[in-house]
Structures are given as C-alpha cells and as structure tokens.
Protein backbone atom coordinates (compact mmCIF):
# COMPACT_ATOMS: atom_id res chain seq x y z
CA MET A 1 14.95 7.17 26.91
CA ASN A 2 15.58 6.02 30.46
CA ALA A 3 17.64 2.82 29.90
CA GLN A 4 16.60 1.48 33.30
CA ASP A 5 12.90 2.04 32.75
CA ASP A 6 12.93 0.73 29.23
CA ALA A 7 15.46 -2.06 29.72
CA ALA A 8 13.33 -4.36 27.52
CA LEU A 9 14.08 -2.03 24.60
CA TRP A 10 17.59 -0.74 25.46
CA ASN A 11 18.86 -4.32 25.89
CA ASP A 12 17.24 -5.73 22.80
CA TRP A 13 18.19 -5.63 19.14
CA GLN A 14 16.61 -2.87 17.03
CA THR A 15 16.64 -2.59 13.23
CA LEU A 16 18.06 0.22 11.21
CA GLY A 17 16.78 -1.26 7.92
CA PRO A 18 18.66 -2.75 4.98
CA PRO A 19 22.34 -2.00 4.27
CA ASP A 20 21.44 -0.47 0.92
CA ARG A 21 19.99 2.53 2.76
CA VAL A 22 23.62 3.52 3.36
CA GLN A 23 24.13 5.58 0.23
CA ALA A 24 27.68 6.80 -0.69
CA GLY A 25 28.99 4.68 2.21
CA VAL A 26 27.41 6.66 5.04
CA LEU A 27 23.94 7.09 6.62
CA HIS A 28 23.01 9.60 9.32
CA THR A 29 20.04 8.37 11.35
CA GLN A 30 18.71 8.13 14.79
CA LEU A 31 17.45 5.65 17.41
CA PHE A 32 15.77 6.42 20.67
CA ASP A 33 16.68 10.12 20.21
CA ARG A 34 20.36 9.20 19.81
CA PRO A 35 21.96 10.34 16.54
CA LEU A 36 23.87 7.50 14.83
CA THR A 37 26.25 7.36 11.90
CA VAL A 38 26.26 4.11 9.84
CA ARG A 39 29.13 3.32 7.50
CA ARG A 40 29.60 0.45 4.96
CA THR A 41 33.16 -0.63 4.39
CA ALA A 42 34.91 -3.53 2.73
CA HIS A 43 34.74 -5.28 6.11
CA GLY A 44 30.99 -4.83 6.73
CA VAL A 45 28.93 -2.29 8.60
CA SER A 46 29.92 -0.03 11.52
CA VAL A 47 27.71 2.19 13.57
CA VAL A 48 28.86 5.04 15.91
CA PHE A 49 27.18 7.59 18.13
CA SER A 50 27.32 10.75 16.08
CA ASP A 51 27.77 13.10 19.03
CA ASN A 52 30.96 11.52 20.40
CA GLY A 53 32.16 9.03 17.76
CA ASN A 54 32.06 6.08 20.17
CA PRO A 55 31.10 2.85 18.52
CA VAL A 56 27.71 1.26 19.18
CA PRO A 57 28.67 -1.87 21.14
CA HIS A 58 26.61 -4.47 19.26
CA VAL A 59 26.08 -4.45 15.46
CA GLN A 60 25.03 -7.26 13.16
CA VAL A 61 23.60 -7.73 9.65
CA ARG A 62 20.96 -10.47 9.57
CA HIS A 63 17.71 -11.13 7.70
CA GLY A 64 18.70 -8.44 5.21
CA TRP A 65 18.70 -5.71 7.88
CA ILE A 66 21.24 -3.91 10.07
CA TRP A 67 20.70 -4.54 13.75
CA VAL A 68 22.02 -2.67 16.75
CA CYS A 69 21.72 -3.00 20.50
CA LEU A 70 22.56 0.15 22.51
CA GLY A 71 22.76 -1.72 25.77
CA THR A 72 23.61 -5.34 26.58
CA PRO A 73 21.65 -7.87 24.49
CA ALA A 74 19.32 -9.89 26.71
CA ARG A 75 18.58 -12.27 23.85
CA ASP A 76 19.51 -13.08 20.27
CA ILE A 77 18.06 -11.25 17.26
CA VAL A 78 14.47 -12.47 16.71
CA ALA A 79 14.08 -15.35 14.23
CA PHE A 80 12.42 -14.80 10.85
CA PRO A 81 11.13 -17.39 8.39
CA ARG A 82 13.63 -18.90 5.93
CA TRP A 83 14.06 -16.67 2.96
CA ASP A 84 15.96 -19.26 0.90
CA ALA A 85 13.02 -21.71 0.20
CA PRO A 86 12.81 -22.51 -3.49
CA GLY A 87 10.21 -20.77 -5.53
CA ARG A 88 10.26 -17.62 -3.35
CA VAL A 89 10.82 -13.94 -4.08
CA PHE A 90 12.52 -11.95 -1.36
CA THR A 91 12.40 -8.15 -1.53
CA HIS A 92 12.75 -5.06 0.59
CA PRO A 93 10.22 -2.60 -0.92
CA GLY A 94 11.37 0.43 0.96
CA SER A 95 11.61 2.38 4.27
CA PHE A 96 8.98 4.96 5.18
CA GLY A 97 9.07 7.80 7.65
CA VAL A 98 5.98 8.18 9.88
CA GLU A 99 5.07 10.97 12.38
CA ALA A 100 3.76 8.49 14.90
CA SER A 101 4.98 6.14 17.64
CA SER A 102 6.52 2.89 16.53
CA LEU A 103 4.04 1.15 18.81
CA ARG A 104 1.11 2.84 16.99
CA CYS A 105 2.52 1.48 13.66
CA VAL A 106 2.76 -2.09 14.90
CA GLU A 107 -0.78 -1.95 16.26
CA ASN A 108 -2.08 -0.62 12.91
CA PHE A 109 -0.31 -3.50 11.12
CA LEU A 110 -2.35 -5.91 13.27
CA ASP A 111 -5.72 -4.37 12.50
CA MET A 112 -7.91 -5.98 9.84
CA GLY A 113 -10.88 -3.76 10.59
CA HIS A 114 -9.48 -0.81 8.57
CA PHE A 115 -8.92 -2.85 5.38
CA PRO A 116 -12.16 -1.89 3.54
CA PHE A 117 -11.98 1.78 4.49
CA VAL A 118 -8.20 2.61 4.15
CA HIS A 119 -7.21 -0.02 1.57
CA THR A 120 -10.31 0.06 -0.56
CA ASP A 121 -10.27 -2.19 -3.63
CA TYR A 122 -6.96 -3.71 -2.44
CA LEU A 123 -7.21 -5.39 0.98
CA GLY A 124 -10.94 -4.79 1.50
CA GLN A 125 -14.12 -3.46 -0.01
CA GLU A 126 -17.56 -2.57 1.22
CA PRO A 127 -19.94 -4.26 2.02
CA HIS A 128 -17.37 -6.89 3.06
CA THR A 129 -16.51 -5.18 6.38
CA GLU A 130 -17.04 -7.83 9.01
CA VAL A 131 -13.99 -9.25 10.75
CA PRO A 132 -14.82 -12.88 11.72
CA PRO A 133 -13.78 -14.00 15.21
CA TYR A 134 -10.17 -15.17 15.48
CA LYS A 135 -7.92 -16.73 18.10
CA VAL A 136 -5.23 -14.95 20.07
CA HIS A 137 -2.74 -16.63 22.33
CA TYR A 138 0.60 -16.01 23.94
CA GLU A 139 3.54 -18.41 23.15
CA ASP A 140 5.56 -18.70 26.30
CA ALA A 141 8.47 -20.52 24.52
CA THR A 142 9.02 -17.64 22.06
CA ASP A 143 7.57 -14.73 24.03
CA GLN A 144 5.37 -13.89 21.11
CA ILE A 145 1.71 -13.07 20.59
CA VAL A 146 -0.08 -15.00 17.82
CA ALA A 147 -3.38 -14.38 16.15
CA SER A 148 -4.63 -17.35 14.12
CA ASP A 149 -7.71 -18.24 12.10
CA CYS A 150 -7.89 -14.68 10.84
CA LYS A 151 -9.93 -14.53 7.59
CA PHE A 152 -10.87 -11.67 5.40
CA TRP A 153 -12.21 -11.34 1.82
CA GLN A 154 -9.91 -9.25 -0.31
CA PRO A 155 -10.55 -7.89 -3.86
CA GLN A 156 -6.81 -7.70 -4.64
CA GLY A 157 -4.66 -8.92 -1.72
CA SER A 158 -1.50 -8.82 -3.84
CA PRO A 159 -0.37 -7.66 -7.36
CA THR A 160 -0.49 -11.28 -8.44
CA ALA A 161 -4.17 -11.72 -7.53
CA GLY A 162 -6.76 -12.14 -10.25
CA ASP A 163 -10.00 -10.12 -10.66
CA GLU A 164 -12.20 -12.49 -8.66
CA GLY A 165 -11.13 -11.61 -5.14
CA LEU A 166 -9.85 -14.09 -2.61
CA ASP A 167 -10.86 -15.35 0.86
CA THR A 168 -7.58 -14.72 2.53
CA GLU A 169 -6.32 -16.44 5.72
CA TYR A 170 -3.88 -14.58 7.94
CA GLU A 171 -1.64 -15.44 10.87
CA TYR A 172 -0.20 -12.47 12.72
CA ARG A 173 2.81 -12.59 15.12
CA VAL A 174 4.28 -9.90 17.27
CA VAL A 175 7.85 -11.03 17.69
CA HIS A 176 9.33 -7.87 19.25
CA PRO A 177 7.90 -4.57 20.64
CA HIS A 178 8.73 -2.91 17.35
CA ILE A 179 8.39 -5.87 14.92
CA ALA A 180 5.36 -7.75 13.60
CA MET A 181 4.98 -10.30 10.80
CA LEU A 182 2.09 -11.87 9.04
CA LYS A 183 1.53 -14.88 6.88
CA LYS A 184 -1.30 -14.67 4.33
CA THR A 185 -2.73 -16.96 1.69
CA SER A 186 -0.76 -16.70 -1.56
CA SER A 187 -2.69 -15.70 -4.61
CA VAL A 188 -0.26 -17.77 -6.76
CA ASP A 189 -0.66 -20.95 -4.67
CA PRO A 190 -3.63 -21.05 -2.27
CA GLN A 191 -1.96 -23.91 -0.39
CA ALA A 192 1.10 -21.71 0.48
CA PHE A 193 1.60 -18.44 2.38
CA ASP A 194 3.28 -15.13 1.64
CA VAL A 195 5.15 -13.47 4.53
CA ILE A 196 5.40 -9.78 5.35
CA VAL A 197 7.57 -8.36 8.15
CA LEU A 198 7.32 -4.81 9.44
CA GLY A 199 10.15 -3.52 11.65
CA LEU A 200 9.92 -0.07 13.15
CA GLN A 201 12.97 2.06 13.99
CA PRO A 202 11.99 4.57 16.68
CA LEU A 203 13.67 7.87 15.97
CA THR A 204 11.86 9.58 18.80
CA GLU A 205 8.81 8.73 20.88
CA THR A 206 6.55 10.13 18.19
CA ARG A 207 8.58 9.63 14.92
CA CYS A 208 9.74 6.38 13.38
CA ILE A 209 10.80 4.68 10.19
CA GLY A 210 9.05 1.58 9.02
CA HIS A 211 11.18 -1.09 7.24
CA THR A 212 9.54 -3.95 5.35
CA LEU A 213 10.59 -7.36 4.22
CA LEU A 214 8.48 -9.48 1.87
CA CYS A 215 8.77 -13.16 0.97
CA TYR A 216 6.31 -14.14 -1.74
CA VAL A 217 5.61 -17.25 -3.74
CA ASP A 218 7.33 -16.58 -7.04
CA ALA A 219 5.41 -15.47 -10.16
CA PRO A 220 7.30 -14.42 -13.33
CA GLY A 221 8.05 -10.70 -13.24
CA SER A 222 6.46 -10.25 -9.81
CA GLU A 223 9.23 -8.60 -7.83
CA GLU A 224 8.79 -5.02 -8.95
CA PRO A 225 4.92 -5.09 -8.82
CA ILE A 226 5.07 -6.66 -5.36
CA ALA A 227 7.40 -3.86 -4.10
CA ARG A 228 5.17 -1.18 -5.75
CA PHE A 229 2.03 -2.73 -4.18
CA GLN A 230 3.46 -2.66 -0.69
CA GLN A 231 4.51 0.94 -1.16
CA ILE A 232 0.86 1.85 -2.06
CA ILE A 233 -0.41 0.06 1.03
CA PHE A 234 2.06 1.77 3.34
CA GLY A 235 1.31 5.11 1.66
CA GLN A 236 -2.42 4.66 2.44
CA ASP A 237 -1.66 3.85 6.07
CA ARG A 238 0.71 6.81 6.72
CA PRO A 239 -1.90 9.64 6.80
CA ILE A 240 -4.14 7.57 9.09
CA LEU A 241 -1.25 6.88 11.52
CA GLN A 242 -0.21 10.50 11.45
CA SER A 243 -3.71 11.63 12.32
CA HIS A 244 -3.77 9.69 15.56
CA ASN A 245 -4.01 11.84 18.68
CA PRO A 246 -2.15 11.22 20.88
CA LYS A 247 0.75 10.04 18.71
CA ARG A 248 2.04 7.74 21.50
CA LEU A 249 0.17 4.51 22.16
CA PRO A 250 -2.00 4.52 25.32
CA LEU A 251 -1.46 1.39 27.33
CA ALA A 252 -3.81 1.90 30.24
CA SER A 253 -7.00 0.01 29.51
CA HIS A 254 -9.26 3.02 30.40
CA LEU A 255 -7.61 5.44 27.95
CA GLU A 256 -9.13 3.90 24.70
CA ILE A 257 -12.04 1.53 24.61
CA PRO A 258 -11.48 -1.66 22.39
CA VAL A 259 -14.18 -3.57 20.61
CA LYS A 260 -14.36 -7.28 19.88
CA ILE A 261 -12.28 -7.18 16.74
CA ASP A 262 -9.42 -5.48 18.68
CA ALA A 263 -8.45 -8.71 20.48
CA MET A 264 -4.91 -8.66 19.00
CA SER A 265 -4.48 -4.98 19.90
CA VAL A 266 -5.62 -5.65 23.47
CA ALA A 267 -3.09 -8.55 23.80
CA TYR A 268 -0.32 -6.37 22.30
CA ARG A 269 -0.93 -3.57 24.77
CA ARG A 270 -1.15 -5.99 27.65
CA TRP A 271 2.18 -7.58 26.52
CA LEU A 272 3.88 -4.13 26.37
CA ARG A 273 2.62 -3.33 29.91
CA ALA A 274 4.08 -6.57 31.17
CA LYS A 275 7.39 -5.61 29.70
CA ASN A 276 7.22 -2.17 31.32
CA ILE A 277 7.55 -0.47 27.93
CA ARG A 278 7.37 3.35 28.26
CA TYR A 279 9.12 4.76 25.23
CA GLY A 280 6.49 5.74 22.68
CA ALA A 281 3.62 4.86 25.09
CA ILE A 282 1.31 6.61 27.54
CA VAL A 283 1.17 4.67 30.76
C-alpha cells in the first residue's frame, strides 16, 4: 500500500476481529500486506509489526473487536448500534477467509439481487426474484451511505423464523470502506430489527478476512442457531466471491455495467472514488 495514495485507509481504524481469535495468547495475521503479531496479556491487547517488532501506534478494543490504525487516526472508530439493549443476543459467529478484495465483499453484502440464487430457501426463493425500488442517500454528517425502504420476501431470513416466510425490510449502511451493517425485520418481533455488521480485514489487495457481529432480538436458545445460520450464509457467499474476475473491485464506471437494482453498489463505488481508494480496487 502507498500510504499517501490510500491515506483514507492508512489513517483510519481497521478491524482485526474479536480478541478470542488470539489463541494461546498470540495471533499472527496481516493487514495491508504487513505481517502483524497480536498478543493478549493481563493488561489487554498489544500489536506489533512482525518484521521489526515495532509496536503498531494505535490499538483499541471496542465493539467486541480489536482495532488498529497503522497511520495517524483521522477520526474515531466508527460507531455501532448499542449492544446492551435489553432482550438482545450479541454474538460473533466467526471469521472467514476469502480470496477476494475486501471491497468486493462489502459490495456483495449490499446486494439483495443474489438472495434467491445463492441463498436459496434461506434469504430468497424463486419465483420471488424481484428487488423492489429502494432509496439511496449520502449522510454528510456521518459520511455514510444509506439504503432505506429495502424490502424482500424471505422463506427463512433467520433461524428463528417460522415456515411461512416473511416480508423483510432492510436498511443498509456503509460506515467505512471495509465495514457495512444492516438492520432487518426481526422474525421474533416484527416491530423490531436485528443488526448484522460485516467488517473486512484486508490481508492483501485480493485476500481478506470477514469478521461478523450480530445483535438479534432474543429467543430462548437462539444464540447457537443464529451463529450457525450466519456461517451457512457466509459459506454460500464465499465461492461466489472467489469466482469474481477480477478479484479487485473496478471503480471506473465503464468497467462494469450496473442495472437498476445496483443503486447501492453504484453509490458505494462513487464514494470510494471520492475517497481516492486504490487498495483492492481497479481505478
């Protein structure tokens, strides 16, 4: 990575996933092609550059994840929804390696059009393939992209859903070049929303690790099925993501032709271009 060209990434907080990934007190990992060593001690978490032993200058644990900034933080760690609301289950269902750009993975997370074909009998089902029009806007105050009024019929949108299927409402947010979150109608309480956060750790321009956080309306005994359900969904996405060619995300508008349902993807790519993002992209 060229820290000057990709200042928006170098000077921002990136996630390394949950502290429990650090087995036996040490984890060897990577970020932006730089090998890192993470250690858990009685005093917290430390991260050093593996090649020279120098400490990573900025390290925090927040939202159940380890965060690092390799440069000088230009802002605080992005805000997540409150996890301590009563009647909620909070879980980290796993971290998943993917042979694709982090940017590709974020874009896939925003795409409802693949639900019936990739997540058949879970998030979608033929002939229910139409994605109704939805709204996309940019929030200047938060520097986030938001897609609202997203609706999709799902046969089993969560492990707590019944057998009838559910008209599910979504709200998507891109809160960081490598982090997206969604709120979706809860199958336990249709007046409430479940929250899923996907954070990508770019190992290289074409390899990453996806870390997930889930905050669900509680149902007795739901924590393990919820984690298993999310693992199934991500497992279905992985071969699709790894089949993309090129593995980096094209940002120039002429390189891939969008259709109407790609409004969120178009906004995301435009937002990345405005930030001069180059790592993991084709510009």
